[in-house]
Amino acid sequence: MKKKIFDSIKNELKREFVLEKPKELSFGHYATPVAFSLAKEFRKSPIKIAEELAENFEKNSMFEEVNALKGYLNFKLSDAFLDEYTTWALAHEDEYSKDDNSESILLEFVSANPTGPLHIGHARGAVIGDTLCRLGRHLGYKVDSEYYVNDAGNQIYLLGLSIFLAGQEHILKQKVDWPDEYYRGEYIVDLAKRASADFNEDIFKDKKNIEILSDWGKDMMLQLIGENLKDVGIEFDNFVSEKSLYGKWNESFEKLQKNDKTYEKDGKIWIRSSDFGDEKDRVVVRDDGRATYLAGDIIYHDNKYQRDYDKYINIWGADHHGYIARVKAAINFLGYDEKRLEVILAQMVSLLKGGEPYKMSKRSGNFILMSDVVDEIGKDALRFIFLSKKADTHLEFDVDSLKKQDSTNPIFYINYAHARVNQIFEKSGKKLDDIKDIKLDNLSQSAKNLLFSALLLPEVVEDTFTSRQVQRLSDYLVSLASNLHKFYNENRVVGSENEDKYLKIFAMVALSIKTGLKLMGIEAKNKM
């Protein structure tokens, strides 16, 4: 809708301009301050220019009124235009709010170490990433989702060691001297029991088998992580193994050397990341010849850029903030455009239950499992709450509040609005086909405002994706539901002289709620 309005105004103005929303809807649906930028050129006041420009729109049927106010041009949309767009949307549900963008994007998120089940912190980045993926594809972008499997390094060995020792303790009934560093939790014992069944208990009798258990345990954890993600509606296009990429380290290292971005000091190989905004240079090869964690990311991003996407988006935990500069430096040193990489940081999550800190899971050892929270509040509530705030702000919520069946629970409130529309249609004895061609004319201001808010979904979807501010979509849906409930409480619908018009407006509200929730990975409820 906004794009069509923009093009129509541009056709009249024949120049570039900015289209805004007035602070108050009573001023108009859209506004532009273009007159201010023309004041110097025309040597007139913006107020005079705006008054003259307003006359150009007198015959445009898209607008009910175009007026000048303190130098601004304010546009009020006509009933006929709103009706035309509504009729089209209701007849083309699958195309509503879609767009056609050709840009290709590789979106990497979650990428949790495959050493344990997903915890609640991982869940936030997972839901944000999946939602951005849904939004991007809806808008026509070619978006591929990717999970980077950190299966190289000491953490995978520790997983195998932990399973091995748990097997000795719980299967062989031996006394075990546990090291300072190992993975705790009932899931490790469960893995040991599973390993005993898959191999036999002899697997725990020889330390040489730790490597076997490491690879096997990693595969079991990836399977569990995949199941955890699927339970909240998330599936990935690609899984890339860090371990499989290390064979390409020489290729990436040669690029860095060729560009004179490495040097040797204290028996280590360093990258000159301080030349590119990092606080200091970083080690990429240790003095024992082993590549560092940063080297793994360098190889991975070299691999990413070789696949030649237009843009790369990484969603990382907030603790990776200091890592951005060194990775972007490495990308630049490899000969690529580091500006094509965008990093979104997801802040930590604090969970309460009845006002008290949520208990850690015995199965996990020392963190809250995502699966436990899903079991308690359901995937829809979990997805919605993680999309209710900016990714880079701390999120705290009480699971009990998401079980309430009232307006304090936002996902209930939105679903109730959608279900209410269906209920009203049932009460009226009518279906969408009965009212979809009804003309929306002579609308009251409140009815027109409700319809306009319902028709804003396409620009909200675009703005949410391009800004990466996922909470904008959830905020919009809460506001739209509130507008629907308020209008229903203040106006008689079924049996009124405007029944068919109101039903058509309500159908548009329901379509926007259904579409918006679907893009959040949530299915709108028809009955409550």
Protein backbone atom coordinates (compact mmCIF):
# COMPACT_ATOMS: atom_id res chain seq x y z
CA MET A 1 0.00 0.00 0.00
CA LYS A 2 2.69 2.51 1.00
CA LYS A 3 4.68 1.81 -2.16
CA LYS A 4 1.63 2.49 -4.33
CA ILE A 5 0.93 5.71 -2.45
CA PHE A 6 4.58 6.76 -2.70
CA ASP A 7 4.62 6.19 -6.48
CA SER A 8 1.41 8.17 -6.92
CA ILE A 9 2.73 11.15 -4.94
CA LYS A 10 6.08 10.99 -6.74
CA ASN A 11 4.26 11.12 -10.08
CA GLU A 12 2.69 14.40 -9.02
CA LEU A 13 5.74 15.96 -7.33
CA LYS A 14 8.21 14.70 -9.96
CA ARG A 15 11.04 14.72 -7.43
CA GLU A 16 12.47 12.68 -4.57
CA PHE A 17 10.80 13.06 -1.18
CA VAL A 18 10.37 11.43 2.21
CA LEU A 19 7.03 9.88 3.17
CA GLU A 20 6.25 9.84 6.88
CA LYS A 21 3.40 9.11 9.22
CA PRO A 22 2.02 12.12 11.15
CA LYS A 23 2.14 11.87 14.94
CA GLU A 24 -1.64 12.14 14.99
CA LEU A 25 -3.85 10.19 12.59
CA SER A 26 -6.29 13.10 12.52
CA PHE A 27 -3.73 15.05 10.46
CA GLY A 28 -3.67 12.39 7.77
CA HIS A 29 -2.48 8.87 7.01
CA TYR A 30 0.82 10.02 5.50
CA ALA A 31 2.79 13.24 5.26
CA THR A 32 5.87 14.68 3.58
CA PRO A 33 8.13 17.61 4.54
CA VAL A 34 9.21 18.05 0.90
CA ALA A 35 8.26 21.74 0.93
CA PHE A 36 11.07 22.51 3.38
CA SER A 37 13.69 21.16 0.98
CA LEU A 38 12.25 23.29 -1.85
CA ALA A 39 12.21 26.59 0.03
CA LYS A 40 15.68 27.69 -1.06
CA GLU A 41 15.15 26.59 -4.67
CA PHE A 42 11.81 28.41 -5.08
CA ARG A 43 12.65 31.27 -2.71
CA LYS A 44 9.33 30.84 -0.95
CA SER A 45 8.30 29.78 2.51
CA PRO A 46 7.62 26.04 3.03
CA ILE A 47 4.07 26.96 4.07
CA LYS A 48 3.39 28.67 0.73
CA ILE A 49 5.02 25.86 -1.27
CA ALA A 50 3.00 23.19 0.58
CA GLU A 51 -0.24 25.08 -0.14
CA GLU A 52 0.57 25.25 -3.85
CA LEU A 53 1.60 21.58 -4.03
CA ALA A 54 -1.60 20.45 -2.30
CA GLU A 55 -3.61 21.74 -5.25
CA ASN A 56 -1.87 19.22 -7.56
CA PHE A 57 -3.68 16.32 -5.87
CA GLU A 58 -7.27 17.54 -6.19
CA LYS A 59 -8.18 14.98 -8.86
CA ASN A 60 -6.29 12.02 -7.38
CA SER A 61 -8.91 9.44 -6.32
CA MET A 62 -6.41 7.80 -3.99
CA PHE A 63 -6.83 10.68 -1.57
CA GLU A 64 -9.88 12.00 0.17
CA GLU A 65 -8.03 15.14 1.11
CA VAL A 66 -4.54 16.61 0.72
CA ASN A 67 -3.89 19.64 2.87
CA ALA A 68 -0.98 21.82 3.86
CA LEU A 69 -0.22 22.27 7.53
CA LYS A 70 2.76 24.29 8.75
CA GLY A 71 4.76 23.40 5.65
CA TYR A 72 3.86 19.73 5.64
CA LEU A 73 1.74 18.02 3.01
CA ASN A 74 -0.76 15.70 4.73
CA PHE A 75 -2.54 12.94 2.81
CA LYS A 76 -5.83 11.39 3.90
CA LEU A 77 -6.62 8.21 2.00
CA SER A 78 -10.02 7.86 0.39
CA ASP A 79 -12.55 5.18 1.29
CA ALA A 80 -12.45 4.04 -2.33
CA PHE A 81 -8.69 3.40 -2.24
CA LEU A 82 -8.82 1.60 1.12
CA ASP A 83 -11.70 -0.52 -0.17
CA GLU A 84 -9.87 -1.36 -3.40
CA TYR A 85 -6.79 -2.53 -1.52
CA THR A 86 -8.87 -4.46 1.03
CA THR A 87 -10.85 -6.25 -1.68
CA TRP A 88 -7.62 -7.24 -3.44
CA ALA A 89 -5.98 -8.46 -0.22
CA LEU A 90 -8.96 -10.61 0.80
CA ALA A 91 -9.00 -12.18 -2.68
CA HIS A 92 -5.22 -12.76 -2.73
CA GLU A 93 -4.35 -13.99 0.76
CA ASP A 94 -1.22 -15.83 -0.40
CA GLU A 95 0.19 -12.70 -2.07
CA TYR A 96 -0.80 -10.20 0.62
CA SER A 97 2.19 -8.31 2.08
CA LYS A 98 4.65 -10.11 -0.21
CA ASP A 99 7.28 -8.37 -2.30
CA ASP A 100 9.86 -9.19 -4.95
CA ASN A 101 13.50 -8.69 -3.92
CA SER A 102 16.38 -10.35 -5.73
CA GLU A 103 19.07 -10.03 -3.03
CA SER A 104 20.55 -13.30 -1.74
CA ILE A 105 21.29 -13.68 1.98
CA LEU A 106 23.08 -16.33 4.01
CA LEU A 107 21.67 -16.25 7.53
CA GLU A 108 23.65 -18.08 10.21
CA PHE A 109 22.17 -18.52 13.67
CA VAL A 110 22.13 -20.75 16.77
CA SER A 111 25.43 -22.55 16.03
CA ALA A 112 25.52 -23.81 19.62
CA ASN A 113 28.31 -26.23 20.48
CA PRO A 114 26.99 -29.79 19.95
CA THR A 115 27.94 -30.76 23.50
CA GLY A 116 24.53 -30.52 25.16
CA PRO A 117 20.83 -29.75 24.67
CA LEU A 118 19.77 -26.25 23.65
CA HIS A 119 19.31 -23.91 26.59
CA ILE A 120 17.03 -20.90 26.85
CA GLY A 121 19.79 -18.52 25.77
CA HIS A 122 20.22 -20.37 22.49
CA ALA A 123 16.46 -20.22 21.93
CA ARG A 124 16.34 -16.44 21.58
CA GLY A 125 18.81 -16.32 18.70
CA ALA A 126 17.12 -19.34 17.14
CA VAL A 127 13.66 -17.74 17.10
CA ILE A 128 14.97 -14.37 15.91
CA GLY A 129 16.97 -16.01 13.12
CA ASP A 130 14.11 -18.20 11.97
CA THR A 131 11.69 -15.26 11.97
CA LEU A 132 14.05 -13.09 9.92
CA CYS A 133 14.36 -16.00 7.53
CA ARG A 134 10.56 -16.24 7.20
CA LEU A 135 10.22 -12.47 6.75
CA GLY A 136 12.98 -12.31 4.15
CA ARG A 137 11.55 -15.12 2.07
CA HIS A 138 8.09 -13.59 2.30
CA LEU A 139 9.54 -10.39 0.86
CA GLY A 140 11.13 -12.28 -2.03
CA TYR A 141 14.72 -12.43 -0.80
CA LYS A 142 16.66 -15.64 -1.44
CA VAL A 143 17.48 -16.55 2.16
CA ASP A 144 19.42 -19.68 3.12
CA SER A 145 19.64 -20.62 6.80
CA GLU A 146 22.82 -22.19 8.15
CA TYR A 147 24.00 -23.83 11.36
CA TYR A 148 27.76 -23.73 11.93
CA VAL A 149 28.67 -26.87 13.86
CA ASN A 150 31.54 -26.19 16.27
CA ASP A 151 32.81 -29.77 16.16
CA ALA A 152 36.54 -29.05 16.31
CA GLY A 153 38.55 -28.34 19.41
CA ASN A 154 38.67 -29.36 23.03
CA GLN A 155 34.93 -29.16 23.78
CA ILE A 156 34.18 -32.22 21.64
CA TYR A 157 36.95 -34.19 23.35
CA LEU A 158 35.50 -33.15 26.72
CA LEU A 159 32.11 -34.46 25.62
CA GLY A 160 33.63 -37.84 24.80
CA LEU A 161 35.58 -37.86 28.06
CA SER A 162 32.45 -36.99 30.07
CA ILE A 163 30.48 -39.82 28.44
CA PHE A 164 33.40 -42.21 29.00
CA LEU A 165 33.68 -41.37 32.71
CA ALA A 166 29.91 -41.47 33.19
CA GLY A 167 29.95 -44.94 31.63
CA GLN A 168 32.64 -46.09 34.03
CA GLU A 169 30.70 -44.73 37.00
CA HIS A 170 27.13 -45.71 36.05
CA ILE A 171 27.62 -48.73 33.77
CA LEU A 172 30.82 -50.35 35.04
CA LYS A 173 30.12 -49.16 38.62
CA GLN A 174 33.69 -47.97 39.05
CA LYS A 175 34.88 -45.13 41.25
CA VAL A 176 35.77 -42.22 39.01
CA ASP A 177 38.10 -39.32 39.68
CA TRP A 178 36.33 -36.57 37.74
CA PRO A 179 38.56 -33.82 36.29
CA ASP A 180 38.00 -30.12 36.98
CA GLU A 181 36.50 -29.59 33.54
CA TYR A 182 33.77 -31.86 32.19
CA TYR A 183 30.12 -31.78 31.10
CA ARG A 184 27.58 -32.33 33.86
CA GLY A 185 23.95 -33.27 33.88
CA GLU A 186 21.68 -36.25 33.51
CA TYR A 187 21.93 -36.04 29.73
CA ILE A 188 25.57 -37.22 29.98
CA VAL A 189 24.46 -40.28 31.96
CA ASP A 190 21.71 -40.91 29.40
CA LEU A 191 24.32 -40.72 26.63
CA ALA A 192 26.52 -43.22 28.46
CA LYS A 193 23.59 -45.64 28.75
CA ARG A 194 22.80 -45.15 25.06
CA ALA A 195 26.47 -45.73 24.14
CA SER A 196 26.47 -48.95 26.17
CA ALA A 197 23.48 -50.12 24.13
CA ASP A 198 24.90 -48.99 20.78
CA PHE A 199 28.41 -50.38 21.30
CA ASN A 200 28.49 -52.43 24.55
CA GLU A 201 29.96 -51.68 27.94
CA ASP A 202 33.47 -52.52 26.74
CA ILE A 203 33.54 -49.07 25.15
CA PHE A 204 34.19 -47.68 28.66
CA LYS A 205 37.19 -49.92 29.41
CA ASP A 206 39.81 -48.29 27.18
CA LYS A 207 40.64 -44.58 27.02
CA LYS A 208 41.40 -45.00 23.32
CA ASN A 209 37.64 -45.10 22.84
CA ILE A 210 37.17 -41.52 24.03
CA GLU A 211 37.64 -40.27 20.46
CA ILE A 212 34.94 -42.68 19.24
CA LEU A 213 32.60 -41.48 21.97
CA SER A 214 33.38 -37.86 21.10
CA ASP A 215 32.25 -38.23 17.49
CA TRP A 216 29.31 -40.42 18.45
CA GLY A 217 28.23 -38.04 21.24
CA LYS A 218 28.45 -35.06 18.89
CA ASP A 219 26.14 -36.80 16.42
CA MET A 220 23.68 -37.66 19.21
CA MET A 221 23.67 -34.04 20.40
CA LEU A 222 23.14 -32.70 16.88
CA GLN A 223 20.20 -35.04 16.52
CA LEU A 224 18.76 -33.80 19.84
CA ILE A 225 19.40 -30.16 18.91
CA GLY A 226 17.60 -30.75 15.61
CA GLU A 227 14.62 -32.20 17.48
CA ASN A 228 14.61 -29.28 19.96
CA LEU A 229 14.58 -26.81 17.07
CA LYS A 230 11.90 -28.69 15.16
CA ASP A 231 9.69 -28.56 18.26
CA VAL A 232 9.61 -24.77 17.89
CA GLY A 233 9.22 -24.85 14.10
CA ILE A 234 12.85 -24.31 13.08
CA GLU A 235 14.69 -26.24 10.39
CA PHE A 236 17.95 -25.38 8.64
CA ASP A 237 18.91 -25.51 4.98
CA ASN A 238 22.60 -26.18 5.69
CA PHE A 239 24.80 -27.60 8.42
CA VAL A 240 28.49 -26.75 8.04
CA SER A 241 31.08 -28.66 10.06
CA GLU A 242 33.95 -26.61 11.49
CA LYS A 243 36.07 -29.76 11.55
CA SER A 244 35.53 -30.38 7.83
CA LEU A 245 36.75 -26.86 7.00
CA TYR A 246 40.10 -27.07 8.78
CA GLY A 247 41.58 -28.86 5.78
CA LYS A 248 41.22 -25.54 3.94
CA TRP A 249 43.19 -23.53 6.51
CA ASN A 250 46.30 -23.34 4.30
CA GLU A 251 44.23 -21.83 1.49
CA SER A 252 42.84 -19.10 3.77
CA PHE A 253 46.20 -18.57 5.49
CA GLU A 254 47.92 -18.02 2.14
CA LYS A 255 45.42 -15.26 1.31
CA LEU A 256 46.24 -13.51 4.58
CA GLN A 257 49.98 -13.86 3.96
CA LYS A 258 49.68 -12.62 0.40
CA ASN A 259 47.99 -9.48 1.67
CA ASP A 260 50.71 -9.05 4.31
CA LYS A 261 48.25 -9.35 7.19
CA THR A 262 50.07 -11.93 9.33
CA TYR A 263 53.35 -12.00 11.23
CA GLU A 264 55.20 -14.34 13.57
CA LYS A 265 56.00 -13.45 17.17
CA ASP A 266 56.83 -15.61 20.22
CA GLY A 267 56.49 -18.71 18.06
CA LYS A 268 52.88 -17.82 17.21
CA ILE A 269 51.21 -16.52 14.04
CA TRP A 270 49.29 -13.29 14.51
CA ILE A 271 46.79 -11.44 12.36
CA ARG A 272 47.08 -7.64 12.13
CA SER A 273 43.49 -7.05 13.25
CA SER A 274 44.45 -3.84 15.08
CA ASP A 275 44.94 -2.31 11.61
CA PHE A 276 41.19 -2.65 11.17
CA GLY A 277 39.74 -1.36 14.41
CA ASP A 278 40.37 -4.32 16.73
CA GLU A 279 41.84 -3.37 20.10
CA LYS A 280 44.89 -5.60 19.50
CA ASP A 281 46.29 -8.16 17.09
CA ARG A 282 45.07 -11.75 17.48
CA VAL A 283 46.74 -15.16 17.43
CA VAL A 284 45.57 -17.48 14.66
CA VAL A 285 48.16 -20.26 15.10
CA ARG A 286 49.45 -21.25 18.55
CA ASP A 287 53.11 -21.97 19.30
CA ASP A 288 52.34 -25.71 19.12
CA GLY A 289 51.05 -25.35 15.57
CA ARG A 290 47.34 -25.66 16.38
CA ALA A 291 44.94 -23.17 14.80
CA THR A 292 42.90 -21.01 17.20
CA TYR A 293 39.15 -20.55 17.41
CA LEU A 294 39.52 -17.36 15.36
CA ALA A 295 41.24 -19.33 12.61
CA GLY A 296 38.16 -21.52 12.39
CA ASP A 297 35.97 -18.46 11.88
CA ILE A 298 38.38 -17.12 9.26
CA ILE A 299 38.14 -20.36 7.26
CA TYR A 300 34.36 -20.41 7.67
CA HIS A 301 33.86 -16.84 6.45
CA ASP A 302 36.27 -17.46 3.58
CA ASN A 303 34.02 -20.39 2.68
CA LYS A 304 30.91 -18.22 3.04
CA TYR A 305 32.18 -15.49 0.77
CA GLN A 306 33.27 -17.99 -1.84
CA ARG A 307 29.60 -18.94 -2.13
CA ASP A 308 28.97 -15.34 -3.22
CA TYR A 309 25.82 -14.20 -1.46
CA ASP A 310 24.89 -10.52 -1.61
CA LYS A 311 24.73 -10.30 2.17
CA TYR A 312 25.73 -12.37 5.20
CA ILE A 313 23.92 -12.12 8.52
CA ASN A 314 25.25 -13.73 11.70
CA ILE A 315 23.23 -13.89 14.92
CA TRP A 316 25.58 -14.25 17.87
CA GLY A 317 25.26 -14.14 21.62
CA ALA A 318 25.95 -10.77 23.23
CA ASP A 319 29.19 -12.15 24.71
CA HIS A 320 30.62 -12.15 21.16
CA HIS A 321 30.50 -8.36 20.90
CA GLY A 322 34.29 -8.00 20.96
CA TYR A 323 34.61 -10.65 18.28
CA ILE A 324 32.97 -8.59 15.53
CA ALA A 325 35.95 -6.32 14.81
CA ARG A 326 38.46 -9.17 14.46
CA VAL A 327 36.19 -11.23 12.18
CA LYS A 328 35.46 -8.23 9.96
CA ALA A 329 39.16 -7.45 9.86
CA ALA A 330 39.90 -11.01 8.74
CA ILE A 331 37.22 -10.81 6.03
CA ASN A 332 38.79 -7.61 4.71
CA PHE A 333 42.27 -9.17 4.83
CA LEU A 334 41.01 -12.14 2.82
CA GLY A 335 40.12 -9.69 0.05
CA TYR A 336 36.35 -9.48 0.60
CA ASP A 337 33.97 -6.63 1.41
CA GLU A 338 33.41 -6.88 5.16
CA LYS A 339 30.40 -4.52 4.84
CA ARG A 340 28.44 -7.41 3.37
CA LEU A 341 28.55 -9.06 6.82
CA GLU A 342 26.00 -7.93 9.37
CA VAL A 343 26.13 -9.18 12.96
CA ILE A 344 23.07 -9.16 15.22
CA LEU A 345 23.73 -9.68 18.92
CA ALA A 346 21.10 -11.46 21.01
CA GLN A 347 21.18 -10.51 24.68
CA MET A 348 20.74 -12.91 27.56
CA VAL A 349 17.39 -14.15 28.86
CA SER A 350 16.28 -14.27 32.51
CA LEU A 351 13.44 -16.62 33.30
CA LEU A 352 11.07 -16.43 36.24
CA LYS A 353 8.28 -18.64 37.50
CA GLY A 354 5.85 -17.09 39.94
CA GLY A 355 8.27 -14.21 40.44
CA GLU A 356 11.13 -16.50 41.44
CA PRO A 357 14.13 -17.55 39.32
CA TYR A 358 13.29 -20.54 37.14
CA LYS A 359 14.96 -23.70 38.40
CA MET A 360 17.88 -25.14 36.49
CA SER A 361 17.31 -28.47 34.81
CA LYS A 362 18.82 -31.56 36.41
CA ARG A 363 19.11 -33.03 32.95
CA SER A 364 21.30 -30.16 31.77
CA GLY A 365 23.36 -29.70 34.89
CA ASN A 366 23.59 -25.92 35.09
CA PHE A 367 21.19 -24.21 32.69
CA ILE A 368 17.52 -23.99 31.71
CA LEU A 369 16.59 -26.25 28.84
CA MET A 370 14.63 -24.78 25.95
CA SER A 371 12.60 -28.00 25.77
CA ASP A 372 11.50 -27.59 29.41
CA VAL A 373 10.13 -24.11 28.72
CA VAL A 374 8.40 -25.27 25.53
CA ASP A 375 6.76 -28.10 27.49
CA GLU A 376 5.49 -25.57 30.02
CA ILE A 377 4.20 -22.69 27.85
CA GLY A 378 4.14 -24.10 24.30
CA LYS A 379 6.13 -23.09 21.23
CA ASP A 380 3.85 -20.19 20.24
CA ALA A 381 4.24 -18.36 23.54
CA LEU A 382 7.99 -19.01 23.56
CA ARG A 383 8.41 -17.69 20.02
CA PHE A 384 6.27 -14.63 20.69
CA ILE A 385 8.03 -13.59 23.89
CA PHE A 386 11.45 -13.85 22.21
CA LEU A 387 10.21 -11.56 19.44
CA SER A 388 8.69 -9.00 21.79
CA LYS A 389 11.88 -7.02 22.44
CA LYS A 390 14.90 -5.82 20.49
CA ALA A 391 17.50 -8.55 20.20
CA ASP A 392 20.19 -6.44 21.86
CA THR A 393 18.15 -5.73 25.01
CA HIS A 394 18.01 -7.99 28.04
CA LEU A 395 14.80 -10.05 28.20
CA GLU A 396 13.14 -11.14 31.42
CA PHE A 397 9.78 -12.85 31.59
CA ASP A 398 7.71 -14.98 33.91
CA VAL A 399 6.41 -18.22 32.37
CA ASP A 400 3.30 -18.05 34.55
CA SER A 401 2.28 -14.77 32.87
CA LEU A 402 2.23 -16.55 29.51
CA LYS A 403 -0.31 -19.07 30.78
CA LYS A 404 -2.89 -16.42 31.70
CA GLN A 405 -6.06 -16.30 29.61
CA ASP A 406 -6.49 -12.53 29.67
CA SER A 407 -5.23 -9.32 28.08
CA THR A 408 -2.02 -9.35 30.14
CA ASN A 409 -0.84 -12.26 27.99
CA PRO A 410 -0.07 -10.72 24.57
CA ILE A 411 -0.24 -13.95 22.55
CA PHE A 412 -3.65 -14.75 24.09
CA TYR A 413 -4.82 -11.18 23.41
CA ILE A 414 -3.87 -11.36 19.72
CA ASN A 415 -5.29 -14.84 19.22
CA TYR A 416 -8.50 -13.77 20.93
CA ALA A 417 -8.89 -10.96 18.39
CA HIS A 418 -8.50 -13.44 15.52
CA ALA A 419 -10.91 -15.91 17.12
CA ARG A 420 -13.37 -13.08 17.88
CA VAL A 421 -13.61 -12.25 14.16
CA ASN A 422 -14.45 -15.86 13.36
CA GLN A 423 -17.00 -15.90 16.16
CA ILE A 424 -18.66 -12.73 14.82
CA PHE A 425 -18.87 -14.22 11.33
CA GLU A 426 -20.51 -17.35 12.77
CA LYS A 427 -22.97 -15.23 14.73
CA SER A 428 -23.88 -13.28 11.59
CA GLY A 429 -24.38 -16.47 9.59
CA LYS A 430 -22.19 -15.06 6.83
CA LYS A 431 -18.94 -16.08 5.16
CA LEU A 432 -16.19 -14.08 3.52
CA ASP A 433 -17.64 -14.63 0.05
CA ASP A 434 -20.83 -12.92 1.18
CA ILE A 435 -19.16 -9.64 2.04
CA LYS A 436 -15.85 -9.45 0.16
CA ASP A 437 -17.32 -7.25 -2.61
CA ILE A 438 -19.22 -4.90 -0.32
CA LYS A 439 -18.19 -1.28 -0.93
CA LEU A 440 -16.53 0.40 2.01
CA ASP A 441 -17.82 3.95 1.75
CA ASN A 442 -19.01 6.62 4.16
CA LEU A 443 -17.01 4.98 6.91
CA SER A 444 -16.93 6.47 10.39
CA GLN A 445 -13.53 7.75 11.48
CA SER A 446 -13.09 4.87 13.96
CA ALA A 447 -13.94 2.25 11.30
CA LYS A 448 -11.58 3.88 8.84
CA ASN A 449 -8.80 3.99 11.43
CA LEU A 450 -9.24 0.29 12.20
CA LEU A 451 -9.13 -0.59 8.51
CA PHE A 452 -6.03 1.54 7.95
CA SER A 453 -4.22 -0.12 10.85
CA ALA A 454 -5.05 -3.54 9.40
CA LEU A 455 -3.68 -2.52 6.00
CA LEU A 456 -0.34 -1.42 7.50
CA LEU A 457 0.96 -5.00 7.76
CA PRO A 458 2.96 -4.97 4.47
CA GLU A 459 5.01 -1.94 5.47
CA VAL A 460 5.43 -3.28 9.01
CA VAL A 461 6.75 -6.57 7.58
CA GLU A 462 9.21 -4.74 5.33
CA ASP A 463 10.31 -2.40 8.09
CA THR A 464 10.72 -5.28 10.54
CA PHE A 465 12.98 -7.18 8.17
CA THR A 466 15.08 -4.30 6.84
CA SER A 467 15.63 -2.86 10.33
CA ARG A 468 16.10 -6.37 11.86
CA GLN A 469 13.90 -5.06 14.70
CA VAL A 470 11.73 -8.15 15.16
CA GLN A 471 9.73 -6.59 17.99
CA ARG A 472 8.11 -4.17 15.53
CA LEU A 473 5.93 -6.95 14.14
CA SER A 474 4.85 -8.17 17.58
CA ASP A 475 4.16 -4.59 18.70
CA TYR A 476 2.04 -4.03 15.61
CA LEU A 477 -0.03 -7.17 16.21
CA VAL A 478 -0.69 -6.22 19.83
CA SER A 479 -1.79 -2.75 18.70
CA LEU A 480 -4.01 -4.13 15.93
CA ALA A 481 -5.66 -6.57 18.32
CA SER A 482 -6.24 -3.73 20.79
CA ASN A 483 -7.86 -1.62 18.05
CA LEU A 484 -10.15 -4.51 17.09
CA HIS A 485 -11.26 -5.17 20.68
CA LYS A 486 -11.84 -1.45 21.31
CA PHE A 487 -13.90 -1.02 18.15
CA TYR A 488 -15.99 -4.12 18.90
CA ASN A 489 -16.71 -2.94 22.45
CA GLU A 490 -17.79 0.50 21.22
CA ASN A 491 -19.81 -0.51 18.16
CA ARG A 492 -22.64 -2.91 17.46
CA VAL A 493 -21.60 -5.17 14.58
CA VAL A 494 -24.06 -8.02 13.99
CA GLY A 495 -27.52 -6.63 13.25
CA SER A 496 -26.31 -3.08 12.64
CA GLU A 497 -26.93 -1.19 9.40
CA ASN A 498 -23.18 -1.36 8.74
CA GLU A 499 -22.88 -5.07 9.50
CA ASP A 500 -21.44 -6.09 6.11
CA LYS A 501 -18.96 -3.22 6.06
CA TYR A 502 -17.78 -4.03 9.56
CA LEU A 503 -17.47 -7.72 8.70
CA LYS A 504 -15.27 -6.86 5.74
CA ILE A 505 -13.06 -4.64 7.90
CA PHE A 506 -12.89 -7.38 10.55
CA ALA A 507 -11.93 -9.92 7.88
CA MET A 508 -9.05 -7.65 6.90
CA VAL A 509 -7.96 -7.40 10.53
CA ALA A 510 -8.05 -11.20 10.83
CA LEU A 511 -6.00 -11.61 7.65
CA SER A 512 -3.29 -9.27 8.92
CA ILE A 513 -3.19 -11.03 12.30
CA LYS A 514 -3.06 -14.47 10.68
CA THR A 515 -0.33 -13.41 8.24
CA GLY A 516 1.71 -11.59 10.87
CA LEU A 517 1.61 -14.51 13.30
CA LYS A 518 2.52 -16.95 10.52
CA LEU A 519 5.64 -14.91 9.79
CA MET A 520 6.51 -15.25 13.47
CA GLY A 521 6.14 -19.02 13.19
CA ILE A 522 2.80 -19.01 15.04
CA GLU A 523 -0.53 -20.36 13.82
CA ALA A 524 -3.48 -18.07 14.58
CA LYS A 525 -6.27 -19.69 16.59
CA ASN A 526 -9.76 -19.74 15.12
CA LYS A 527 -11.45 -20.57 18.42
CA MET A 528 -10.56 -19.79 22.03
